[in-house]
């Protein structure tokens, strides 16, 4: 039994390019983001991978990435579940602000704390801890059981919602997860053991 789980952060979005806090706002991919997602699909195809089901968030950039990957795999009609629980971390009052402008307003140290700490949320937003509390139950109830049944699952989502999953899969701690970054459009290919722990992990860099 394969127990395959692939995680992919969406390709570069328009607001990534503009250095804006995005969160639950809904910009689409840039031309570079489209190329990154297409390339991710090509790398998965080169490994001979196919999927039984896809998951993505309620946000356009992740859905677009998922479609581009599945198109490359010749699986454009694959069942795809769109779920708000997989949305990016909500940046609250920072959403839509330029990161440099935010530093000028609140100071480098405070903005760094909001961005990189595990449990300090920005004003009216979510911390990474809050994001884990939202993503993990959905993973355990909906995604993981499919993987353990032998279904091949791909999840196209966001830097922080996927960091929440990587934290569990890679057994990272609140101290080590803040420094872990996910590149846009780079698939993480996990194969799980029957007890849901990781048997192997491969990072498909370009």
N, C-alpha and C. Protein backbone atom coordinates (compact mmCIF):
# COMPACT_ATOMS: atom_id res chain seq x y z
N UNK A 1 0.85 -1.20 0.00
CA UNK A 1 0.00 0.00 0.00
C UNK A 1 0.89 1.25 0.00
N UNK A 2 0.55 2.22 -0.87
CA UNK A 2 1.46 3.34 -1.08
C UNK A 2 1.39 4.42 -0.01
N UNK A 3 0.19 4.78 0.44
CA UNK A 3 -0.02 5.83 1.45
C UNK A 3 0.75 7.12 1.09
N UNK A 4 0.38 7.68 -0.07
CA UNK A 4 1.06 8.84 -0.65
C UNK A 4 0.34 10.14 -0.31
N UNK A 5 1.08 11.10 0.19
CA UNK A 5 0.56 12.43 0.49
C UNK A 5 1.52 13.46 -0.08
N UNK A 6 1.02 14.31 -0.99
CA UNK A 6 1.85 15.37 -1.57
C UNK A 6 1.28 16.73 -1.16
N UNK A 7 2.13 17.58 -0.63
CA UNK A 7 1.77 18.94 -0.23
C UNK A 7 2.46 19.93 -1.16
N UNK A 8 1.71 20.91 -1.66
CA UNK A 8 2.30 21.93 -2.54
C UNK A 8 1.80 23.31 -2.13
N UNK A 9 2.72 24.20 -1.79
CA UNK A 9 2.35 25.60 -1.60
C UNK A 9 2.06 26.21 -2.98
N UNK A 10 1.03 27.04 -3.05
CA UNK A 10 0.66 27.67 -4.32
C UNK A 10 1.84 28.43 -4.93
N UNK A 11 1.78 28.63 -6.25
CA UNK A 11 2.77 29.44 -6.93
C UNK A 11 2.70 30.90 -6.49
N UNK A 12 3.70 31.67 -6.89
CA UNK A 12 3.75 33.09 -6.51
C UNK A 12 2.44 33.79 -6.86
N UNK A 13 1.89 34.52 -5.89
CA UNK A 13 0.67 35.30 -6.14
C UNK A 13 1.03 36.76 -6.41
N UNK A 14 0.06 37.50 -6.89
CA UNK A 14 0.25 38.91 -7.19
C UNK A 14 0.69 39.68 -5.94
N UNK A 15 0.14 39.29 -4.78
CA UNK A 15 0.49 40.00 -3.55
C UNK A 15 1.83 39.52 -2.99
N UNK A 16 2.22 38.27 -3.26
CA UNK A 16 3.60 37.87 -2.92
C UNK A 16 4.58 38.78 -3.64
N UNK A 17 4.31 39.00 -4.92
CA UNK A 17 5.18 39.84 -5.75
C UNK A 17 5.27 41.26 -5.21
N UNK A 18 4.14 41.76 -4.73
CA UNK A 18 4.08 43.15 -4.24
C UNK A 18 4.49 43.28 -2.77
N UNK A 19 4.90 42.14 -2.14
CA UNK A 19 5.36 42.15 -0.75
C UNK A 19 4.26 42.58 0.23
N UNK A 20 3.03 42.11 -0.04
CA UNK A 20 1.89 42.44 0.81
C UNK A 20 1.50 41.24 1.68
N UNK A 21 1.04 41.53 2.90
CA UNK A 21 0.43 40.48 3.72
C UNK A 21 -0.88 40.07 3.05
N UNK A 22 -1.04 38.77 2.80
CA UNK A 22 -2.17 38.31 2.01
C UNK A 22 -3.26 37.68 2.86
N UNK A 23 -2.91 36.62 3.59
CA UNK A 23 -3.89 35.97 4.45
C UNK A 23 -5.10 35.47 3.68
N UNK A 24 -6.29 35.89 4.11
CA UNK A 24 -7.53 35.41 3.50
C UNK A 24 -7.97 36.27 2.31
N UNK A 25 -7.17 37.28 1.97
CA UNK A 25 -7.45 38.02 0.74
C UNK A 25 -7.21 37.10 -0.45
N UNK A 26 -7.71 37.48 -1.64
CA UNK A 26 -7.82 36.47 -2.70
C UNK A 26 -7.19 36.86 -4.04
N UNK A 27 -5.92 37.30 -4.05
CA UNK A 27 -5.28 37.55 -5.34
C UNK A 27 -4.98 36.25 -6.07
N UNK A 28 -4.84 36.34 -7.39
CA UNK A 28 -4.52 35.16 -8.20
C UNK A 28 -3.00 35.04 -8.38
N UNK A 29 -2.59 34.05 -9.16
CA UNK A 29 -1.18 33.81 -9.44
C UNK A 29 -0.63 34.84 -10.42
N UNK A 30 0.65 35.12 -10.30
CA UNK A 30 1.37 35.89 -11.31
C UNK A 30 1.76 34.94 -12.44
N UNK A 31 2.36 35.50 -13.50
CA UNK A 31 2.89 34.65 -14.58
C UNK A 31 3.94 33.69 -14.03
N UNK A 32 4.76 34.19 -13.10
CA UNK A 32 5.76 33.31 -12.46
C UNK A 32 5.08 32.21 -11.66
N UNK A 33 4.00 32.56 -10.95
CA UNK A 33 3.26 31.58 -10.16
C UNK A 33 2.65 30.49 -11.03
N UNK A 34 2.14 30.88 -12.18
CA UNK A 34 1.60 29.91 -13.14
C UNK A 34 2.71 28.97 -13.61
N UNK A 35 3.87 29.54 -13.90
CA UNK A 35 5.01 28.71 -14.34
C UNK A 35 5.46 27.77 -13.23
N UNK A 36 5.46 28.25 -11.97
CA UNK A 36 5.87 27.41 -10.85
C UNK A 36 4.91 26.23 -10.67
N UNK A 37 3.61 26.50 -10.76
CA UNK A 37 2.61 25.43 -10.60
C UNK A 37 2.70 24.42 -11.73
N UNK A 38 2.88 24.93 -12.95
CA UNK A 38 3.01 24.05 -14.11
C UNK A 38 4.24 23.16 -13.97
N UNK A 39 5.35 23.75 -13.54
CA UNK A 39 6.59 23.00 -13.34
C UNK A 39 6.42 21.95 -12.25
N UNK A 40 5.68 22.29 -11.19
CA UNK A 40 5.43 21.32 -10.12
C UNK A 40 4.70 20.11 -10.67
N UNK A 41 3.70 20.35 -11.52
CA UNK A 41 2.97 19.26 -12.14
C UNK A 41 3.88 18.39 -13.01
N UNK A 42 4.78 19.04 -13.72
CA UNK A 42 5.72 18.30 -14.59
C UNK A 42 6.66 17.43 -13.77
N UNK A 43 7.12 17.95 -12.61
CA UNK A 43 8.02 17.16 -11.76
C UNK A 43 7.29 15.96 -11.15
N UNK A 44 6.04 16.16 -10.77
CA UNK A 44 5.26 15.04 -10.24
C UNK A 44 5.01 13.99 -11.33
N UNK A 45 4.75 14.47 -12.54
CA UNK A 45 4.53 13.55 -13.66
C UNK A 45 5.80 12.75 -13.96
N UNK A 46 6.94 13.43 -13.89
CA UNK A 46 8.22 12.75 -14.16
C UNK A 46 8.49 11.64 -13.15
N UNK A 47 7.90 11.76 -11.95
CA UNK A 47 8.03 10.70 -10.94
C UNK A 47 7.01 9.58 -11.17
N UNK A 48 6.13 9.78 -12.14
CA UNK A 48 5.11 8.78 -12.42
C UNK A 48 3.95 8.79 -11.44
N UNK A 49 3.74 9.93 -10.77
CA UNK A 49 2.70 9.99 -9.74
C UNK A 49 1.34 10.34 -10.34
N UNK A 50 0.31 9.72 -9.81
CA UNK A 50 -1.08 10.06 -10.09
C UNK A 50 -1.81 10.09 -8.75
N UNK A 51 -3.00 10.71 -8.76
CA UNK A 51 -3.71 10.91 -7.50
C UNK A 51 -5.15 10.41 -7.60
N UNK A 52 -5.69 10.06 -6.42
CA UNK A 52 -7.08 9.62 -6.33
C UNK A 52 -8.01 10.75 -5.92
N UNK A 53 -7.46 11.75 -5.24
CA UNK A 53 -8.27 12.90 -4.82
C UNK A 53 -7.35 14.09 -4.54
N UNK A 54 -7.87 15.30 -4.73
CA UNK A 54 -7.11 16.52 -4.45
C UNK A 54 -7.87 17.36 -3.43
N UNK A 55 -7.11 18.05 -2.60
CA UNK A 55 -7.67 19.02 -1.65
C UNK A 55 -7.02 20.38 -1.91
N UNK A 56 -7.80 21.42 -1.76
CA UNK A 56 -7.26 22.77 -1.85
C UNK A 56 -8.08 23.67 -0.93
N UNK A 57 -7.67 24.93 -0.83
CA UNK A 57 -8.35 25.86 0.07
C UNK A 57 -9.51 26.54 -0.64
N UNK A 58 -10.12 27.48 0.04
CA UNK A 58 -11.21 28.27 -0.55
C UNK A 58 -10.69 29.47 -1.32
N UNK A 59 -9.37 29.58 -1.49
CA UNK A 59 -8.76 30.76 -2.09
C UNK A 59 -8.23 30.47 -3.50
N UNK A 60 -8.36 31.48 -4.36
CA UNK A 60 -8.11 31.33 -5.79
C UNK A 60 -6.70 30.85 -6.10
N UNK A 61 -5.69 31.41 -5.42
CA UNK A 61 -4.30 31.09 -5.78
C UNK A 61 -3.99 29.61 -5.56
N UNK A 62 -4.56 29.02 -4.53
CA UNK A 62 -4.35 27.59 -4.28
C UNK A 62 -5.14 26.74 -5.27
N UNK A 63 -6.38 27.15 -5.55
CA UNK A 63 -7.21 26.41 -6.51
C UNK A 63 -6.59 26.43 -7.91
N UNK A 64 -6.08 27.58 -8.31
CA UNK A 64 -5.46 27.73 -9.63
C UNK A 64 -4.21 26.83 -9.72
N UNK A 65 -3.41 26.83 -8.66
CA UNK A 65 -2.23 25.97 -8.61
C UNK A 65 -2.63 24.50 -8.75
N UNK A 66 -3.66 24.11 -8.03
CA UNK A 66 -4.13 22.73 -8.07
C UNK A 66 -4.56 22.34 -9.49
N UNK A 67 -5.31 23.23 -10.14
CA UNK A 67 -5.78 22.94 -11.51
C UNK A 67 -4.61 22.78 -12.48
N UNK A 68 -3.62 23.67 -12.36
CA UNK A 68 -2.47 23.61 -13.27
C UNK A 68 -1.68 22.32 -13.08
N UNK A 69 -1.50 21.90 -11.83
CA UNK A 69 -0.80 20.65 -11.55
C UNK A 69 -1.56 19.46 -12.13
N UNK A 70 -2.87 19.42 -11.88
CA UNK A 70 -3.67 18.29 -12.36
C UNK A 70 -3.71 18.26 -13.89
N UNK A 71 -3.71 19.44 -14.52
CA UNK A 71 -3.67 19.49 -15.99
C UNK A 71 -2.40 18.83 -16.51
N UNK A 72 -1.27 19.12 -15.86
CA UNK A 72 0.00 18.53 -16.29
C UNK A 72 0.00 17.01 -16.12
N UNK A 73 -0.73 16.54 -15.13
CA UNK A 73 -0.80 15.11 -14.86
C UNK A 73 -1.85 14.39 -15.71
N UNK A 74 -2.58 15.17 -16.52
CA UNK A 74 -3.66 14.58 -17.30
C UNK A 74 -4.84 14.16 -16.43
N UNK A 75 -4.99 14.84 -15.27
CA UNK A 75 -6.06 14.50 -14.33
C UNK A 75 -6.96 15.71 -14.04
N UNK A 76 -7.26 16.47 -15.09
CA UNK A 76 -8.01 17.71 -14.90
C UNK A 76 -9.41 17.49 -14.33
N UNK A 77 -9.95 16.29 -14.46
CA UNK A 77 -11.29 16.00 -13.95
C UNK A 77 -11.27 15.31 -12.58
N UNK A 78 -10.11 15.25 -11.94
CA UNK A 78 -10.00 14.60 -10.64
C UNK A 78 -10.87 15.31 -9.60
N UNK A 79 -11.55 14.54 -8.76
CA UNK A 79 -12.35 15.13 -7.69
C UNK A 79 -11.46 16.02 -6.82
N UNK A 80 -11.88 17.27 -6.64
CA UNK A 80 -11.11 18.24 -5.86
C UNK A 80 -12.01 18.86 -4.80
N UNK A 81 -11.61 18.73 -3.56
CA UNK A 81 -12.38 19.26 -2.43
C UNK A 81 -11.78 20.59 -2.01
N UNK A 82 -12.61 21.63 -2.00
CA UNK A 82 -12.18 22.97 -1.60
C UNK A 82 -12.65 23.22 -0.17
N UNK A 83 -11.73 23.55 0.69
CA UNK A 83 -12.05 23.61 2.12
C UNK A 83 -11.40 24.81 2.80
N UNK A 84 -12.24 25.60 3.47
CA UNK A 84 -11.78 26.82 4.14
C UNK A 84 -10.78 26.51 5.25
N UNK A 85 -10.88 25.32 5.84
CA UNK A 85 -9.94 24.95 6.91
C UNK A 85 -8.50 24.94 6.43
N UNK A 86 -8.29 24.82 5.10
CA UNK A 86 -6.95 24.80 4.53
C UNK A 86 -6.48 26.19 4.08
N UNK A 87 -7.29 27.22 4.35
CA UNK A 87 -6.90 28.59 3.98
C UNK A 87 -5.60 29.01 4.65
N UNK A 88 -4.98 30.02 4.05
CA UNK A 88 -3.80 30.63 4.65
C UNK A 88 -4.15 31.18 6.03
N UNK A 89 -3.14 31.38 6.83
CA UNK A 89 -3.30 32.07 8.10
C UNK A 89 -3.94 33.44 7.87
N UNK A 90 -4.87 33.82 8.73
CA UNK A 90 -5.52 35.12 8.63
C UNK A 90 -4.63 36.18 9.29
N UNK A 91 -4.16 37.12 8.48
CA UNK A 91 -3.26 38.16 9.01
C UNK A 91 -4.00 39.35 9.61
N UNK A 92 -5.32 39.28 9.68
CA UNK A 92 -6.07 40.31 10.38
C UNK A 92 -5.82 41.70 9.84
N UNK A 93 -5.47 42.62 10.74
CA UNK A 93 -5.28 44.03 10.36
C UNK A 93 -4.08 44.24 9.44
N UNK A 94 -3.19 43.26 9.34
CA UNK A 94 -2.04 43.39 8.45
C UNK A 94 -2.40 43.09 7.00
N UNK A 95 -3.52 42.42 6.76
CA UNK A 95 -3.88 41.98 5.41
C UNK A 95 -3.94 43.16 4.45
N UNK A 96 -3.24 43.02 3.34
CA UNK A 96 -3.22 44.07 2.33
C UNK A 96 -2.14 45.12 2.54
N UNK A 97 -1.45 45.08 3.68
CA UNK A 97 -0.40 46.06 3.94
C UNK A 97 0.94 45.59 3.37
N UNK A 98 1.72 46.53 2.88
CA UNK A 98 3.08 46.23 2.48
C UNK A 98 3.90 45.91 3.74
N UNK A 99 4.73 44.87 3.66
CA UNK A 99 5.47 44.44 4.85
C UNK A 99 6.44 45.51 5.33
N UNK A 100 7.02 46.27 4.41
CA UNK A 100 7.92 47.36 4.81
C UNK A 100 7.14 48.48 5.49
N UNK A 101 5.93 48.77 5.00
CA UNK A 101 5.09 49.80 5.63
C UNK A 101 4.68 49.36 7.04
N UNK A 102 4.40 48.06 7.19
CA UNK A 102 4.04 47.54 8.51
C UNK A 102 5.20 47.70 9.49
N UNK A 103 6.41 47.44 9.01
CA UNK A 103 7.59 47.61 9.88
C UNK A 103 7.78 49.08 10.27
N UNK A 104 7.50 49.98 9.33
CA UNK A 104 7.62 51.41 9.63
C UNK A 104 6.60 51.84 10.67
N UNK A 105 5.41 51.21 10.64
CA UNK A 105 4.33 51.59 11.56
C UNK A 105 4.50 50.99 12.95
N UNK A 106 4.83 49.69 13.01
CA UNK A 106 4.85 48.99 14.30
C UNK A 106 6.26 48.63 14.78
N UNK A 107 7.24 48.77 13.90
CA UNK A 107 8.61 48.41 14.28
C UNK A 107 9.00 47.03 13.82
N UNK A 108 10.26 46.88 13.48
CA UNK A 108 10.80 45.62 12.95
C UNK A 108 10.55 44.46 13.91
N UNK A 109 10.81 44.70 15.20
CA UNK A 109 10.72 43.61 16.18
C UNK A 109 9.28 43.10 16.33
N UNK A 110 8.33 44.02 16.39
CA UNK A 110 6.93 43.60 16.55
C UNK A 110 6.42 42.85 15.33
N UNK A 111 6.73 43.35 14.15
CA UNK A 111 6.27 42.67 12.92
C UNK A 111 6.93 41.30 12.79
N UNK A 112 8.21 41.20 13.16
CA UNK A 112 8.89 39.91 13.13
C UNK A 112 8.22 38.93 14.09
N UNK A 113 7.82 39.43 15.25
CA UNK A 113 7.12 38.59 16.24
C UNK A 113 5.80 38.07 15.67
N UNK A 114 5.04 38.95 15.04
CA UNK A 114 3.77 38.54 14.43
C UNK A 114 3.99 37.51 13.32
N UNK A 115 5.03 37.72 12.53
CA UNK A 115 5.26 36.85 11.38
C UNK A 115 5.88 35.51 11.77
N UNK A 116 6.78 35.51 12.74
CA UNK A 116 7.61 34.34 12.97
C UNK A 116 7.38 33.61 14.29
N UNK A 117 6.69 34.22 15.24
CA UNK A 117 6.45 33.50 16.50
C UNK A 117 5.40 32.41 16.26
N UNK A 118 5.33 31.48 17.16
CA UNK A 118 4.36 30.40 17.05
C UNK A 118 2.98 30.83 17.54
N UNK A 119 2.94 31.65 18.60
CA UNK A 119 1.66 31.85 19.27
C UNK A 119 1.26 33.31 19.50
N UNK A 120 1.93 34.25 18.81
CA UNK A 120 1.55 35.67 18.95
C UNK A 120 0.83 36.10 17.66
N UNK A 121 -0.50 36.34 17.71
CA UNK A 121 -1.23 36.71 16.50
C UNK A 121 -1.11 38.20 16.21
N UNK A 122 -1.17 38.58 14.93
CA UNK A 122 -1.30 40.00 14.61
C UNK A 122 -2.67 40.50 15.04
N UNK A 123 -2.87 41.81 15.11
CA UNK A 123 -4.18 42.33 15.55
C UNK A 123 -5.32 41.77 14.72
N UNK A 124 -6.28 41.17 15.41
CA UNK A 124 -7.50 40.61 14.77
C UNK A 124 -7.19 39.48 13.78
N UNK A 125 -6.03 38.83 13.96
CA UNK A 125 -5.65 37.75 13.05
C UNK A 125 -5.34 36.47 13.79
N UNK A 126 -4.70 35.53 13.08
CA UNK A 126 -4.37 34.22 13.63
C UNK A 126 -2.86 34.09 13.81
N UNK A 127 -2.46 33.45 14.88
CA UNK A 127 -1.08 33.00 15.03
C UNK A 127 -0.93 31.68 14.28
N UNK A 128 0.31 31.20 14.16
CA UNK A 128 0.51 29.88 13.57
C UNK A 128 -0.15 28.82 14.44
N UNK A 129 -0.11 29.01 15.75
CA UNK A 129 -0.78 28.08 16.67
C UNK A 129 -2.28 28.00 16.37
N UNK A 130 -2.90 29.15 16.11
CA UNK A 130 -4.33 29.18 15.74
C UNK A 130 -4.56 28.44 14.42
N UNK A 131 -3.62 28.60 13.49
CA UNK A 131 -3.75 27.94 12.18
C UNK A 131 -3.64 26.44 12.33
N UNK A 132 -2.70 25.99 13.15
CA UNK A 132 -2.57 24.55 13.44
C UNK A 132 -3.87 24.01 14.03
N UNK A 133 -4.48 24.77 14.94
CA UNK A 133 -5.72 24.33 15.58
C UNK A 133 -6.87 24.22 14.59
N UNK A 134 -6.78 24.94 13.49
CA UNK A 134 -7.81 24.88 12.45
C UNK A 134 -7.53 23.78 11.43
N UNK A 135 -6.26 23.66 11.03
CA UNK A 135 -5.89 22.74 9.96
C UNK A 135 -5.82 21.29 10.44
N UNK A 136 -5.23 21.09 11.61
CA UNK A 136 -4.94 19.72 12.06
C UNK A 136 -6.19 18.85 12.22
N UNK A 137 -7.27 19.34 12.84
CA UNK A 137 -8.45 18.49 12.94
C UNK A 137 -9.00 18.07 11.58
N UNK A 138 -8.97 18.99 10.62
CA UNK A 138 -9.46 18.65 9.28
C UNK A 138 -8.57 17.58 8.66
N UNK A 139 -7.28 17.72 8.81
CA UNK A 139 -6.34 16.72 8.29
C UNK A 139 -6.62 15.35 8.91
N UNK A 140 -6.76 15.32 10.23
CA UNK A 140 -6.95 14.05 10.94
C UNK A 140 -8.29 13.39 10.60
N UNK A 141 -9.32 14.20 10.39
CA UNK A 141 -10.66 13.66 10.15
C UNK A 141 -10.91 13.34 8.68
N UNK A 142 -10.34 14.12 7.77
CA UNK A 142 -10.72 14.01 6.36
C UNK A 142 -9.60 13.50 5.44
N UNK A 143 -8.39 13.99 5.64
CA UNK A 143 -7.31 13.70 4.69
C UNK A 143 -6.55 12.44 5.09
N UNK A 144 -6.09 12.39 6.33
CA UNK A 144 -5.27 11.26 6.77
C UNK A 144 -5.96 9.90 6.60
N UNK A 145 -7.25 9.76 6.94
CA UNK A 145 -7.88 8.45 6.76
C UNK A 145 -7.83 7.96 5.30
N UNK A 146 -7.94 8.88 4.35
CA UNK A 146 -7.84 8.49 2.94
C UNK A 146 -6.44 7.98 2.62
N UNK A 147 -5.43 8.70 3.11
CA UNK A 147 -4.05 8.28 2.86
C UNK A 147 -3.81 6.89 3.45
N UNK A 148 -4.28 6.68 4.67
CA UNK A 148 -4.05 5.39 5.33
C UNK A 148 -4.82 4.25 4.67
N UNK A 149 -5.89 4.59 3.94
CA UNK A 149 -6.61 3.57 3.17
C UNK A 149 -5.90 3.24 1.86
N UNK A 150 -4.85 3.97 1.55
CA UNK A 150 -4.12 3.72 0.32
C UNK A 150 -4.47 4.65 -0.82
N UNK A 151 -5.33 5.66 -0.55
CA UNK A 151 -5.63 6.66 -1.59
C UNK A 151 -4.43 7.60 -1.72
N UNK A 152 -4.16 8.02 -2.95
CA UNK A 152 -3.05 8.93 -3.22
C UNK A 152 -3.61 10.35 -3.22
N UNK A 153 -3.13 11.18 -2.31
CA UNK A 153 -3.74 12.48 -2.01
C UNK A 153 -2.76 13.60 -2.30
N UNK A 154 -3.24 14.65 -2.97
CA UNK A 154 -2.45 15.87 -3.14
C UNK A 154 -3.21 17.03 -2.48
N UNK A 155 -2.47 17.88 -1.77
CA UNK A 155 -3.03 19.06 -1.12
C UNK A 155 -2.30 20.29 -1.64
N UNK A 156 -3.02 21.18 -2.32
CA UNK A 156 -2.45 22.45 -2.78
C UNK A 156 -3.01 23.56 -1.90
N UNK A 157 -2.15 24.17 -1.09
CA UNK A 157 -2.66 25.15 -0.13
C UNK A 157 -1.63 26.27 0.05
N UNK A 158 -1.32 26.63 1.28
CA UNK A 158 -0.61 27.88 1.57
C UNK A 158 0.58 27.65 2.50
N UNK A 159 1.46 28.64 2.55
CA UNK A 159 2.65 28.53 3.37
C UNK A 159 2.37 28.13 4.80
N UNK A 160 1.42 28.80 5.44
CA UNK A 160 1.18 28.54 6.85
C UNK A 160 0.25 27.37 7.10
N UNK A 161 -0.76 27.17 6.28
CA UNK A 161 -1.62 26.00 6.49
C UNK A 161 -0.83 24.72 6.25
N UNK A 162 0.10 24.74 5.30
CA UNK A 162 0.93 23.57 5.06
C UNK A 162 2.03 23.43 6.11
N UNK A 163 2.54 24.54 6.61
CA UNK A 163 3.50 24.46 7.72
C UNK A 163 2.87 23.78 8.93
N UNK A 164 1.58 23.99 9.12
CA UNK A 164 0.86 23.33 10.22
C UNK A 164 0.92 21.82 10.05
N UNK A 165 0.77 21.34 8.81
CA UNK A 165 0.84 19.90 8.55
C UNK A 165 2.27 19.38 8.63
N UNK A 166 3.21 20.14 8.06
CA UNK A 166 4.62 19.74 8.10
C UNK A 166 5.10 19.66 9.55
N UNK A 167 4.61 20.54 10.39
CA UNK A 167 4.98 20.52 11.80
C UNK A 167 4.67 19.17 12.42
N UNK A 168 3.50 18.63 12.09
CA UNK A 168 3.10 17.33 12.62
C UNK A 168 3.89 16.20 11.95
N UNK A 169 3.93 16.24 10.62
CA UNK A 169 4.58 15.16 9.87
C UNK A 169 6.08 15.06 10.20
N UNK A 170 6.75 16.22 10.27
CA UNK A 170 8.20 16.24 10.51
C UNK A 170 8.56 16.32 11.99
N UNK A 171 7.54 16.30 12.83
CA UNK A 171 7.73 16.34 14.28
C UNK A 171 8.54 17.57 14.72
N UNK A 172 8.15 18.71 14.18
CA UNK A 172 8.77 19.97 14.58
C UNK A 172 8.09 20.49 15.84
N UNK A 173 8.73 21.40 16.51
CA UNK A 173 8.21 21.95 17.77
C UNK A 173 7.85 23.42 17.59
N UNK A 174 7.13 24.01 18.55
CA UNK A 174 6.87 25.45 18.49
C UNK A 174 8.15 26.28 18.40
N UNK A 175 9.27 25.71 18.85
CA UNK A 175 10.55 26.42 18.78
C UNK A 175 11.19 26.29 17.40
N UNK A 176 11.00 25.16 16.72
CA UNK A 176 11.68 24.93 15.44
C UNK A 176 10.83 25.29 14.23
N UNK A 177 9.50 25.27 14.36
CA UNK A 177 8.65 25.53 13.19
C UNK A 177 8.78 26.96 12.67
N UNK A 178 8.98 28.01 13.50
CA UNK A 178 9.01 29.37 12.94
C UNK A 178 10.07 29.59 11.88
N UNK A 179 11.19 28.86 11.94
CA UNK A 179 12.27 29.07 10.97
C UNK A 179 12.09 28.24 9.71
N UNK A 180 11.07 27.40 9.65
CA UNK A 180 10.86 26.52 8.49
C UNK A 180 10.03 27.23 7.43
N UNK A 181 10.58 27.35 6.22
CA UNK A 181 9.89 28.02 5.12
C UNK A 181 9.52 27.01 4.04
N UNK A 182 8.41 27.22 3.39
CA UNK A 182 8.02 26.42 2.23
C UNK A 182 8.13 27.28 0.99
N UNK A 183 8.82 26.79 -0.02
CA UNK A 183 8.94 27.54 -1.26
C UNK A 183 7.66 27.41 -2.08
N UNK A 184 7.35 28.46 -2.84
CA UNK A 184 6.18 28.40 -3.71
C UNK A 184 6.39 27.38 -4.83
N UNK A 185 5.36 26.57 -5.05
CA UNK A 185 5.38 25.65 -6.18
C UNK A 185 6.36 24.49 -6.07
N UNK A 186 6.76 24.15 -4.85
CA UNK A 186 7.69 23.02 -4.66
C UNK A 186 6.97 21.89 -3.93
N UNK A 187 6.68 20.77 -4.61
CA UNK A 187 5.97 19.67 -3.97
C UNK A 187 6.81 18.96 -2.90
N UNK A 188 6.15 18.61 -1.81
CA UNK A 188 6.73 17.74 -0.78
C UNK A 188 6.03 16.40 -0.89
N UNK A 189 6.79 15.37 -1.20
CA UNK A 189 6.21 14.04 -1.44
C UNK A 189 6.47 13.17 -0.21
N UNK A 190 5.40 12.89 0.53
CA UNK A 190 5.49 12.04 1.72
C UNK A 190 4.92 10.67 1.42
N UNK A 191 5.56 9.66 1.98
CA UNK A 191 4.96 8.33 2.05
C UNK A 191 4.87 7.98 3.53
N UNK A 192 3.69 7.58 3.95
CA UNK A 192 3.43 7.36 5.37
C UNK A 192 3.43 5.88 5.72
N UNK A 193 3.76 5.60 6.96
CA UNK A 193 3.64 4.25 7.51
C UNK A 193 2.18 4.02 7.93
N UNK A 194 1.86 2.79 8.26
CA UNK A 194 0.49 2.45 8.65
C UNK A 194 0.06 3.17 9.92
N UNK A 195 1.04 3.58 10.75
CA UNK A 195 0.69 4.29 12.00
C UNK A 195 0.62 5.81 11.80
N UNK A 196 0.67 6.25 10.53
CA UNK A 196 0.54 7.66 10.11
C UNK A 196 1.82 8.47 10.24
N UNK A 197 2.90 7.88 10.74
CA UNK A 197 4.18 8.58 10.76
C UNK A 197 4.85 8.49 9.39
N UNK A 198 5.90 9.27 9.21
CA UNK A 198 6.52 9.40 7.89
C UNK A 198 7.51 8.28 7.63
N UNK A 199 7.31 7.61 6.50
CA UNK A 199 8.28 6.61 6.05
C UNK A 199 9.38 7.26 5.23
N UNK A 200 8.98 8.20 4.33
CA UNK A 200 9.97 8.91 3.53
C UNK A 200 9.41 10.27 3.12
N UNK A 201 10.34 11.19 2.82
CA UNK A 201 9.96 12.53 2.36
C UNK A 201 10.93 12.95 1.28
N UNK A 202 10.37 13.48 0.19
CA UNK A 202 11.20 13.96 -0.92
C UNK A 202 10.73 15.37 -1.30
N UNK A 203 11.65 16.29 -1.39
CA UNK A 203 11.35 17.68 -1.78
C UNK A 203 11.69 17.84 -3.26
N UNK A 204 10.68 18.12 -4.09
CA UNK A 204 10.89 18.19 -5.53
C UNK A 204 11.24 19.61 -5.97
N UNK A 205 12.45 20.04 -5.66
CA UNK A 205 12.88 21.37 -6.08
C UNK A 205 13.06 21.41 -7.59
N UNK A 206 12.95 22.61 -8.14
CA UNK A 206 13.03 22.75 -9.60
C UNK A 206 14.42 22.40 -10.10
